[in-house]
Amino acid sequence: MNTLVNAKNLTLFDLDGTLIPTDSDHAFGGFMVDIGWANGEEWRRRNDEFYAQYQAGQLDLPAYIDFATSVWRSRPLAEAHAARERFMAEVMLPEIQPQALALVRQHQQAGDLVAIVTATNEFVTTPIAAAFGVEYLIAVQLQRDEQGRYTGAIQGVPSFQAGKISRVRDWLAGLGRQWSDFERVTFYSDSMNDLPLLDLVSHPVATNPTPALAELASARAWTTLKLFA
């Protein structure tokens, strides 16, 4: 058993805009256009519309998941995985900056139980979490049919807005832990979408915050951290 399941402190990281200075979901959609899998300008327009919904806290997540996965889920899985590897190498790895890696390592070396909790789906984010050296990833799970093919639907509770709380609790329960076991629970996030979880933890950190979150963090005397220029 991983000894960190007995850790005294829990540290949670949002991903997009927090540990990386971009949105991996939106970027993956753009990459689908770049490699010719998606229909150019029309796809970019819809992708941008969904991203604007997210930024406004009004994202229709089931509709977005259906849209975002539609361009690759009908292809052979090996082909989709190969495209994801290219995306990691060409787009994501250059976005993983030393100061973000150092922040994660700081908490790991302190003996914290560390997880990434993201509203981006597991297909896109699994290799990103691996690149950060984070064992535990809580992401939007994608439903599969009996043949193992992705359906375009969400499996279970999505790790989005208040759903992040439910998913973290379920993950902790699977480790035999609960919130009250920890002396300190820290959550790093850039987004107002994460306000439910930021409100719940003992140490919220507004990280590269949007203007709305920066204002709220100031009013509540939360720690603010700017990782990226």
C-alpha atoms as a PDB file:
ATOM      1  CA  MET A   1       0.000   0.000   0.000  1.00  0.00           C
ATOM      2  CA  ASN A   2       1.164   3.521  -0.741  1.00  0.00           C
ATOM      3  CA  THR A   3       2.332   4.929   2.587  1.00  0.00           C
ATOM      4  CA  LEU A   4       1.001   8.339   1.582  1.00  0.00           C
ATOM      5  CA  VAL A   5      -2.545   7.164   2.250  1.00  0.00           C
ATOM      6  CA  ASN A   6      -1.603   7.781   5.900  1.00  0.00           C
ATOM      7  CA  ALA A   7      -0.439  11.335   5.185  1.00  0.00           C
ATOM      8  CA  LYS A   8      -1.358  14.093   7.625  1.00  0.00           C
ATOM      9  CA  ASN A   9      -2.002  16.683   4.900  1.00  0.00           C
ATOM     10  CA  LEU A  10      -3.978  16.549   1.666  1.00  0.00           C
ATOM     11  CA  THR A  11      -3.111  18.757  -1.315  1.00  0.00           C
ATOM     12  CA  LEU A  12      -5.372  19.062  -4.348  1.00  0.00           C
ATOM     13  CA  PHE A  13      -4.545  20.807  -7.607  1.00  0.00           C
ATOM     14  CA  ASP A  14      -6.838  21.970 -10.348  1.00  0.00           C
ATOM     15  CA  LEU A  15      -5.087  21.514 -13.696  1.00  0.00           C
ATOM     16  CA  ASP A  16      -6.068  23.940 -16.462  1.00  0.00           C
ATOM     17  CA  GLY A  17      -5.007  27.492 -15.730  1.00  0.00           C
ATOM     18  CA  THR A  18      -3.582  26.344 -12.404  1.00  0.00           C
ATOM     19  CA  LEU A  19      -0.716  23.929 -13.024  1.00  0.00           C
ATOM     20  CA  ILE A  20      -0.576  24.694 -16.736  1.00  0.00           C
ATOM     21  CA  PRO A  21      -1.071  28.154 -18.268  1.00  0.00           C
ATOM     22  CA  THR A  22      -3.589  26.895 -20.806  1.00  0.00           C
ATOM     23  CA  ASP A  23      -6.743  24.786 -21.007  1.00  0.00           C
ATOM     24  CA  SER A  24      -5.858  21.238 -22.054  1.00  0.00           C
ATOM     25  CA  ASP A  25      -9.414  20.393 -23.124  1.00  0.00           C
ATOM     26  CA  HIS A  26      -9.682  23.429 -25.398  1.00  0.00           C
ATOM     27  CA  ALA A  27      -6.147  22.880 -26.671  1.00  0.00           C
ATOM     28  CA  PHE A  28      -6.877  19.250 -27.523  1.00  0.00           C
ATOM     29  CA  GLY A  29      -9.826  20.418 -29.602  1.00  0.00           C
ATOM     30  CA  GLY A  30      -7.562  22.837 -31.439  1.00  0.00           C
ATOM     31  CA  PHE A  31      -5.079  20.017 -32.012  1.00  0.00           C
ATOM     32  CA  MET A  32      -7.827  17.916 -33.568  1.00  0.00           C
ATOM     33  CA  VAL A  33      -8.263  20.705 -36.123  1.00  0.00           C
ATOM     34  CA  ASP A  34      -4.518  21.016 -36.669  1.00  0.00           C
ATOM     35  CA  ILE A  35      -4.123  17.328 -37.551  1.00  0.00           C
ATOM     36  CA  GLY A  36      -7.160  17.358 -39.816  1.00  0.00           C
ATOM     37  CA  TRP A  37      -9.504  15.288 -37.677  1.00  0.00           C
ATOM     38  CA  ALA A  38     -11.981  18.116 -37.115  1.00  0.00           C
ATOM     39  CA  ASN A  39     -13.734  20.476 -39.487  1.00  0.00           C
ATOM     40  CA  GLY A  40     -11.593  23.609 -39.355  1.00  0.00           C
ATOM     41  CA  GLU A  41     -13.292  26.872 -38.555  1.00  0.00           C
ATOM     42  CA  GLU A  42     -16.668  25.403 -37.607  1.00  0.00           C
ATOM     43  CA  TRP A  43     -15.058  23.135 -35.042  1.00  0.00           C
ATOM     44  CA  ARG A  44     -12.938  25.960 -33.631  1.00  0.00           C
ATOM     45  CA  ARG A  45     -16.016  28.146 -33.363  1.00  0.00           C
ATOM     46  CA  ARG A  46     -17.955  25.534 -31.364  1.00  0.00           C
ATOM     47  CA  ASN A  47     -14.907  24.734 -29.254  1.00  0.00           C
ATOM     48  CA  ASP A  48     -14.494  28.436 -28.447  1.00  0.00           C
ATOM     49  CA  GLU A  49     -18.184  28.725 -27.594  1.00  0.00           C
ATOM     50  CA  PHE A  50     -17.962  25.912 -25.064  1.00  0.00           C
ATOM     51  CA  TYR A  51     -14.794  27.409 -23.575  1.00  0.00           C
ATOM     52  CA  ALA A  52     -16.569  30.741 -23.150  1.00  0.00           C
ATOM     53  CA  GLN A  53     -19.422  28.921 -21.399  1.00  0.00           C
ATOM     54  CA  TYR A  54     -16.888  27.355 -19.027  1.00  0.00           C
ATOM     55  CA  GLN A  55     -15.261  30.686 -18.237  1.00  0.00           C
ATOM     56  CA  ALA A  56     -18.706  32.128 -17.479  1.00  0.00           C
ATOM     57  CA  GLY A  57     -19.544  29.206 -15.175  1.00  0.00           C
ATOM     58  CA  GLN A  58     -22.330  28.074 -17.500  1.00  0.00           C
ATOM     59  CA  LEU A  59     -20.821  25.080 -19.296  1.00  0.00           C
ATOM     60  CA  ASP A  60     -23.235  22.371 -20.466  1.00  0.00           C
ATOM     61  CA  LEU A  61     -20.752  19.641 -19.625  1.00  0.00           C
ATOM     62  CA  PRO A  62     -22.599  16.632 -21.113  1.00  0.00           C
ATOM     63  CA  ALA A  63     -23.007  18.504 -24.410  1.00  0.00           C
ATOM     64  CA  TYR A  64     -19.370  19.507 -24.378  1.00  0.00           C
ATOM     65  CA  ILE A  65     -18.127  15.977 -23.669  1.00  0.00           C
ATOM     66  CA  ASP A  66     -20.223  14.636 -26.532  1.00  0.00           C
ATOM     67  CA  PHE A  67     -18.832  17.325 -28.835  1.00  0.00           C
ATOM     68  CA  ALA A  68     -15.219  17.099 -27.700  1.00  0.00           C
ATOM     69  CA  THR A  69     -14.964  13.318 -27.953  1.00  0.00           C
ATOM     70  CA  SER A  70     -16.918  12.977 -31.200  1.00  0.00           C
ATOM     71  CA  VAL A  71     -13.922  13.703 -33.396  1.00  0.00           C
ATOM     72  CA  TRP A  72     -11.740  10.885 -32.029  1.00  0.00           C
ATOM     73  CA  ARG A  73     -13.948   8.304 -30.350  1.00  0.00           C
ATOM     74  CA  SER A  74     -15.055   6.675 -33.618  1.00  0.00           C
ATOM     75  CA  ARG A  75     -11.445   6.045 -34.639  1.00  0.00           C
ATOM     76  CA  PRO A  76      -9.465   2.953 -33.615  1.00  0.00           C
ATOM     77  CA  LEU A  77      -8.301   3.421 -30.037  1.00  0.00           C
ATOM     78  CA  ALA A  78      -4.657   2.902 -30.980  1.00  0.00           C
ATOM     79  CA  GLU A  79      -4.970   5.739 -33.487  1.00  0.00           C
ATOM     80  CA  ALA A  80      -6.562   8.004 -30.876  1.00  0.00           C
ATOM     81  CA  HIS A  81      -3.800   7.169 -28.396  1.00  0.00           C
ATOM     82  CA  ALA A  82      -1.149   7.964 -30.995  1.00  0.00           C
ATOM     83  CA  ALA A  83      -2.753  11.362 -31.598  1.00  0.00           C
ATOM     84  CA  ARG A  84      -2.795  11.970 -27.842  1.00  0.00           C
ATOM     85  CA  GLU A  85       0.926  11.170 -27.651  1.00  0.00           C
ATOM     86  CA  ARG A  86       1.580  13.750 -30.364  1.00  0.00           C
ATOM     87  CA  PHE A  87      -0.556  16.257 -28.484  1.00  0.00           C
ATOM     88  CA  MET A  88       1.457  15.663 -25.324  1.00  0.00           C
ATOM     89  CA  ALA A  89       4.796  16.019 -27.101  1.00  0.00           C
ATOM     90  CA  GLU A  90       3.925  18.975 -29.312  1.00  0.00           C
ATOM     91  CA  VAL A  91       1.458  20.965 -27.190  1.00  0.00           C
ATOM     92  CA  MET A  92       1.356  19.964 -23.524  1.00  0.00           C
ATOM     93  CA  LEU A  93       4.937  19.234 -22.517  1.00  0.00           C
ATOM     94  CA  PRO A  94       6.076  22.746 -23.532  1.00  0.00           C
ATOM     95  CA  GLU A  95       3.339  24.124 -21.242  1.00  0.00           C
ATOM     96  CA  ILE A  96       4.583  22.286 -18.143  1.00  0.00           C
ATOM     97  CA  GLN A  97       6.769  24.878 -16.487  1.00  0.00           C
ATOM     98  CA  PRO A  98       9.510  24.336 -13.868  1.00  0.00           C
ATOM     99  CA  GLN A  99       7.780  26.397 -11.188  1.00  0.00           C
ATOM    100  CA  ALA A 100       4.630  24.279 -11.445  1.00  0.00           C
ATOM    101  CA  LEU A 101       6.612  21.063 -11.234  1.00  0.00           C
ATOM    102  CA  ALA A 102       8.475  22.466  -8.233  1.00  0.00           C
ATOM    103  CA  LEU A 103       5.217  23.317  -6.444  1.00  0.00           C
ATOM    104  CA  VAL A 104       3.923  19.779  -6.882  1.00  0.00           C
ATOM    105  CA  ARG A 105       7.260  18.316  -5.755  1.00  0.00           C
ATOM    106  CA  GLN A 106       7.266  20.563  -2.700  1.00  0.00           C
ATOM    107  CA  HIS A 107       4.042  19.004  -1.449  1.00  0.00           C
ATOM    108  CA  GLN A 108       5.081  15.492  -2.395  1.00  0.00           C
ATOM    109  CA  GLN A 109       8.393  15.822  -0.588  1.00  0.00           C
ATOM    110  CA  ALA A 110       6.571  17.162   2.477  1.00  0.00           C
ATOM    111  CA  GLY A 111       4.690  13.861   2.568  1.00  0.00           C
ATOM    112  CA  ASP A 112       1.308  15.212   1.501  1.00  0.00           C
ATOM    113  CA  LEU A 113      -1.273  13.049  -0.220  1.00  0.00           C
ATOM    114  CA  VAL A 114      -1.485  14.787  -3.619  1.00  0.00           C
ATOM    115  CA  ALA A 115      -4.106  14.603  -6.354  1.00  0.00           C
ATOM    116  CA  ILE A 116      -5.045  16.513  -9.484  1.00  0.00           C
ATOM    117  CA  VAL A 117      -8.771  17.248  -9.610  1.00  0.00           C
ATOM    118  CA  THR A 118      -9.899  18.464 -13.014  1.00  0.00           C
ATOM    119  CA  ALA A 119     -13.059  18.986 -15.041  1.00  0.00           C
ATOM    120  CA  THR A 120     -11.204  17.877 -18.170  1.00  0.00           C
ATOM    121  CA  ASN A 121     -11.809  14.294 -19.206  1.00  0.00           C
ATOM    122  CA  GLU A 122      -9.565  11.389 -18.272  1.00  0.00           C
ATOM    123  CA  PHE A 123      -8.517  10.650 -21.867  1.00  0.00           C
ATOM    124  CA  VAL A 124      -6.852  14.045 -22.238  1.00  0.00           C
ATOM    125  CA  THR A 125      -5.484  14.398 -18.717  1.00  0.00           C
ATOM    126  CA  THR A 126      -4.071  10.976 -17.833  1.00  0.00           C
ATOM    127  CA  PRO A 127      -0.707  11.595 -19.549  1.00  0.00           C
ATOM    128  CA  ILE A 128      -0.558  15.148 -18.183  1.00  0.00           C
ATOM    129  CA  ALA A 129      -0.894  13.917 -14.602  1.00  0.00           C
ATOM    130  CA  ALA A 130       1.817  11.358 -15.350  1.00  0.00           C
ATOM    131  CA  ALA A 131       4.099  14.116 -16.649  1.00  0.00           C
ATOM    132  CA  PHE A 132       3.680  15.905 -13.312  1.00  0.00           C
ATOM    133  CA  GLY A 133       4.474  12.694 -11.469  1.00  0.00           C
ATOM    134  CA  VAL A 134       1.078  12.724  -9.730  1.00  0.00           C
ATOM    135  CA  GLU A 135      -0.273   9.249  -9.023  1.00  0.00           C
ATOM    136  CA  TYR A 136      -3.866  10.234  -8.299  1.00  0.00           C
ATOM    137  CA  LEU A 137      -5.979  11.862 -11.005  1.00  0.00           C
ATOM    138  CA  ILE A 138      -9.633  12.743 -10.468  1.00  0.00           C
ATOM    139  CA  ALA A 139     -11.000  13.675 -13.893  1.00  0.00           C
ATOM    140  CA  VAL A 140     -14.276  13.444 -15.792  1.00  0.00           C
ATOM    141  CA  GLN A 141     -14.764   9.751 -16.496  1.00  0.00           C
ATOM    142  CA  LEU A 142     -15.923   8.709 -19.940  1.00  0.00           C
ATOM    143  CA  GLN A 143     -18.541   6.039 -20.462  1.00  0.00           C
ATOM    144  CA  ARG A 144     -17.688   3.006 -22.590  1.00  0.00           C
ATOM    145  CA  ASP A 145     -19.915   0.415 -24.201  1.00  0.00           C
ATOM    146  CA  GLU A 146     -19.583  -3.359 -23.873  1.00  0.00           C
ATOM    147  CA  GLN A 147     -16.905  -3.363 -26.574  1.00  0.00           C
ATOM    148  CA  GLY A 148     -14.869  -0.770 -24.696  1.00  0.00           C
ATOM    149  CA  ARG A 149     -15.645   2.027 -27.138  1.00  0.00           C
ATOM    150  CA  TYR A 150     -16.202   5.549 -25.836  1.00  0.00           C
ATOM    151  CA  THR A 151     -19.845   6.598 -26.163  1.00  0.00           C
ATOM    152  CA  GLY A 152     -19.559  10.354 -25.726  1.00  0.00           C
ATOM    153  CA  ALA A 153     -21.371  10.271 -22.374  1.00  0.00           C
ATOM    154  CA  ILE A 154     -20.086  10.908 -18.851  1.00  0.00           C
ATOM    155  CA  GLN A 155     -19.631   8.005 -16.450  1.00  0.00           C
ATOM    156  CA  GLY A 156     -20.776   8.772 -12.920  1.00  0.00           C
ATOM    157  CA  VAL A 157     -20.454  12.149 -11.211  1.00  0.00           C
ATOM    158  CA  PRO A 158     -18.332  14.591 -13.224  1.00  0.00           C
ATOM    159  CA  SER A 159     -15.492  16.315 -11.381  1.00  0.00           C
ATOM    160  CA  PHE A 160     -16.923  19.733 -12.205  1.00  0.00           C
ATOM    161  CA  GLN A 161     -17.981  22.490  -9.807  1.00  0.00           C
ATOM    162  CA  ALA A 162     -19.608  20.858  -6.741  1.00  0.00           C
ATOM    163  CA  GLY A 163     -19.015  17.460  -8.320  1.00  0.00           C
ATOM    164  CA  LYS A 164     -15.352  17.824  -7.411  1.00  0.00           C
ATOM    165  CA  ILE A 165     -16.306  17.511  -3.751  1.00  0.00           C
ATOM    166  CA  SER A 166     -18.221  14.275  -4.329  1.00  0.00           C
ATOM    167  CA  ARG A 167     -15.453  12.774  -6.410  1.00  0.00           C
ATOM    168  CA  VAL A 168     -12.739  13.679  -3.881  1.00  0.00           C
ATOM    169  CA  ARG A 169     -14.795  12.198  -1.044  1.00  0.00           C
ATOM    170  CA  ASP A 170     -15.334   8.986  -2.994  1.00  0.00           C
ATOM    171  CA  TRP A 171     -11.636   8.786  -3.849  1.00  0.00           C
ATOM    172  CA  LEU A 172     -10.657   9.287  -0.214  1.00  0.00           C
ATOM    173  CA  ALA A 173     -13.165   6.651   0.893  1.00  0.00           C
ATOM    174  CA  GLY A 174     -11.512   4.237  -1.516  1.00  0.00           C
ATOM    175  CA  LEU A 175      -8.249   4.872   0.342  1.00  0.00           C
ATOM    176  CA  GLY A 176      -9.925   4.419   3.709  1.00  0.00           C
ATOM    177  CA  ARG A 177      -9.691   8.143   4.471  1.00  0.00           C
ATOM    178  CA  GLN A 178     -12.027  11.106   4.981  1.00  0.00           C
ATOM    179  CA  TRP A 179     -11.723  14.896   5.150  1.00  0.00           C
ATOM    180  CA  SER A 180     -11.502  14.972   8.945  1.00  0.00           C
ATOM    181  CA  ASP A 181      -8.419  12.727   8.932  1.00  0.00           C
ATOM    182  CA  PHE A 182      -6.229  15.546   7.623  1.00  0.00           C
ATOM    183  CA  GLU A 183      -4.694  18.353   9.630  1.00  0.00           C
ATOM    184  CA  ARG A 184      -4.517  20.544   6.533  1.00  0.00           C
ATOM    185  CA  VAL A 185      -6.349  20.360   3.199  1.00  0.00           C
ATOM    186  CA  THR A 186      -5.009  22.669   0.486  1.00  0.00           C
ATOM    187  CA  PHE A 187      -6.594  23.312  -2.902  1.00  0.00           C
ATOM    188  CA  TYR A 188      -4.968  25.309  -5.685  1.00  0.00           C
ATOM    189  CA  SER A 189      -7.296  26.673  -8.366  1.00  0.00           C
ATOM    190  CA  ASP A 190      -7.618  29.542 -10.810  1.00  0.00           C
ATOM    191  CA  SER A 191     -11.364  29.385 -11.421  1.00  0.00           C
ATOM    192  CA  MET A 192     -14.668  30.425  -9.873  1.00  0.00           C
ATOM    193  CA  ASN A 193     -16.000  27.086 -11.122  1.00  0.00           C
ATOM    194  CA  ASP A 194     -14.047  25.586  -8.229  1.00  0.00           C
ATOM    195  CA  LEU A 195     -15.592  27.781  -5.548  1.00  0.00           C
ATOM    196  CA  PRO A 196     -17.459  24.879  -3.842  1.00  0.00           C
ATOM    197  CA  LEU A 197     -14.204  23.019  -3.192  1.00  0.00           C
ATOM    198  CA  LEU A 198     -12.251  26.190  -2.392  1.00  0.00           C
ATOM    199  CA  ASP A 199     -14.876  27.002   0.240  1.00  0.00           C
ATOM    200  CA  LEU A 200     -14.606  23.550   1.790  1.00  0.00           C
ATOM    201  CA  VAL A 201     -10.852  23.163   2.277  1.00  0.00           C
ATOM    202  CA  SER A 202      -8.859  24.600   5.160  1.00  0.00           C
ATOM    203  CA  HIS A 203      -6.288  26.298   2.891  1.00  0.00           C
ATOM    204  CA  PRO A 204      -7.649  27.623  -0.418  1.00  0.00           C
ATOM    205  CA  VAL A 205      -5.029  29.074  -2.754  1.00  0.00           C
ATOM    206  CA  ALA A 206      -6.206  31.247  -5.648  1.00  0.00           C
ATOM    207  CA  THR A 207      -3.592  30.327  -8.235  1.00  0.00           C
ATOM    208  CA  ASN A 208      -3.212  32.452 -11.371  1.00  0.00           C
ATOM    209  CA  PRO A 209      -6.766  33.537 -10.527  1.00  0.00           C
ATOM    210  CA  THR A 210      -9.305  34.961 -12.904  1.00  0.00           C
ATOM    211  CA  PRO A 211     -10.278  38.545 -12.039  1.00  0.00           C
ATOM    212  CA  ALA A 212     -13.438  37.350 -10.290  1.00  0.00           C
ATOM    213  CA  LEU A 213     -11.568  34.822  -8.172  1.00  0.00           C
ATOM    214  CA  ALA A 214      -8.787  37.297  -7.421  1.00  0.00           C
ATOM    215  CA  GLU A 215     -11.355  39.768  -6.093  1.00  0.00           C
ATOM    216  CA  LEU A 216     -13.043  37.114  -3.959  1.00  0.00           C
ATOM    217  CA  ALA A 217      -9.712  35.824  -2.645  1.00  0.00           C
ATOM    218  CA  SER A 218      -8.747  39.340  -1.605  1.00  0.00           C
ATOM    219  CA  ALA A 219     -12.066  39.863   0.164  1.00  0.00           C
ATOM    220  CA  ARG A 220     -11.705  36.563   2.035  1.00  0.00           C
ATOM    221  CA  ALA A 221      -7.972  36.962   2.738  1.00  0.00           C
ATOM    222  CA  TRP A 222      -7.148  33.769   0.875  1.00  0.00           C
ATOM    223  CA  THR A 223      -3.612  33.140  -0.257  1.00  0.00           C
ATOM    224  CA  THR A 224      -3.001  34.182  -3.865  1.00  0.00           C
ATOM    225  CA  LEU A 225      -0.263  32.634  -5.956  1.00  0.00           C
ATOM    226  CA  LYS A 226       0.865  33.632  -9.441  1.00  0.00           C
ATOM    227  CA  LEU A 227       2.830  30.808 -11.016  1.00  0.00           C
ATOM    228  CA  PHE A 228       2.885  32.187 -14.533  1.00  0.00           C
ATOM    229  CA  ALA A 229       3.709  35.569 -15.974  1.00  0.00           C
END
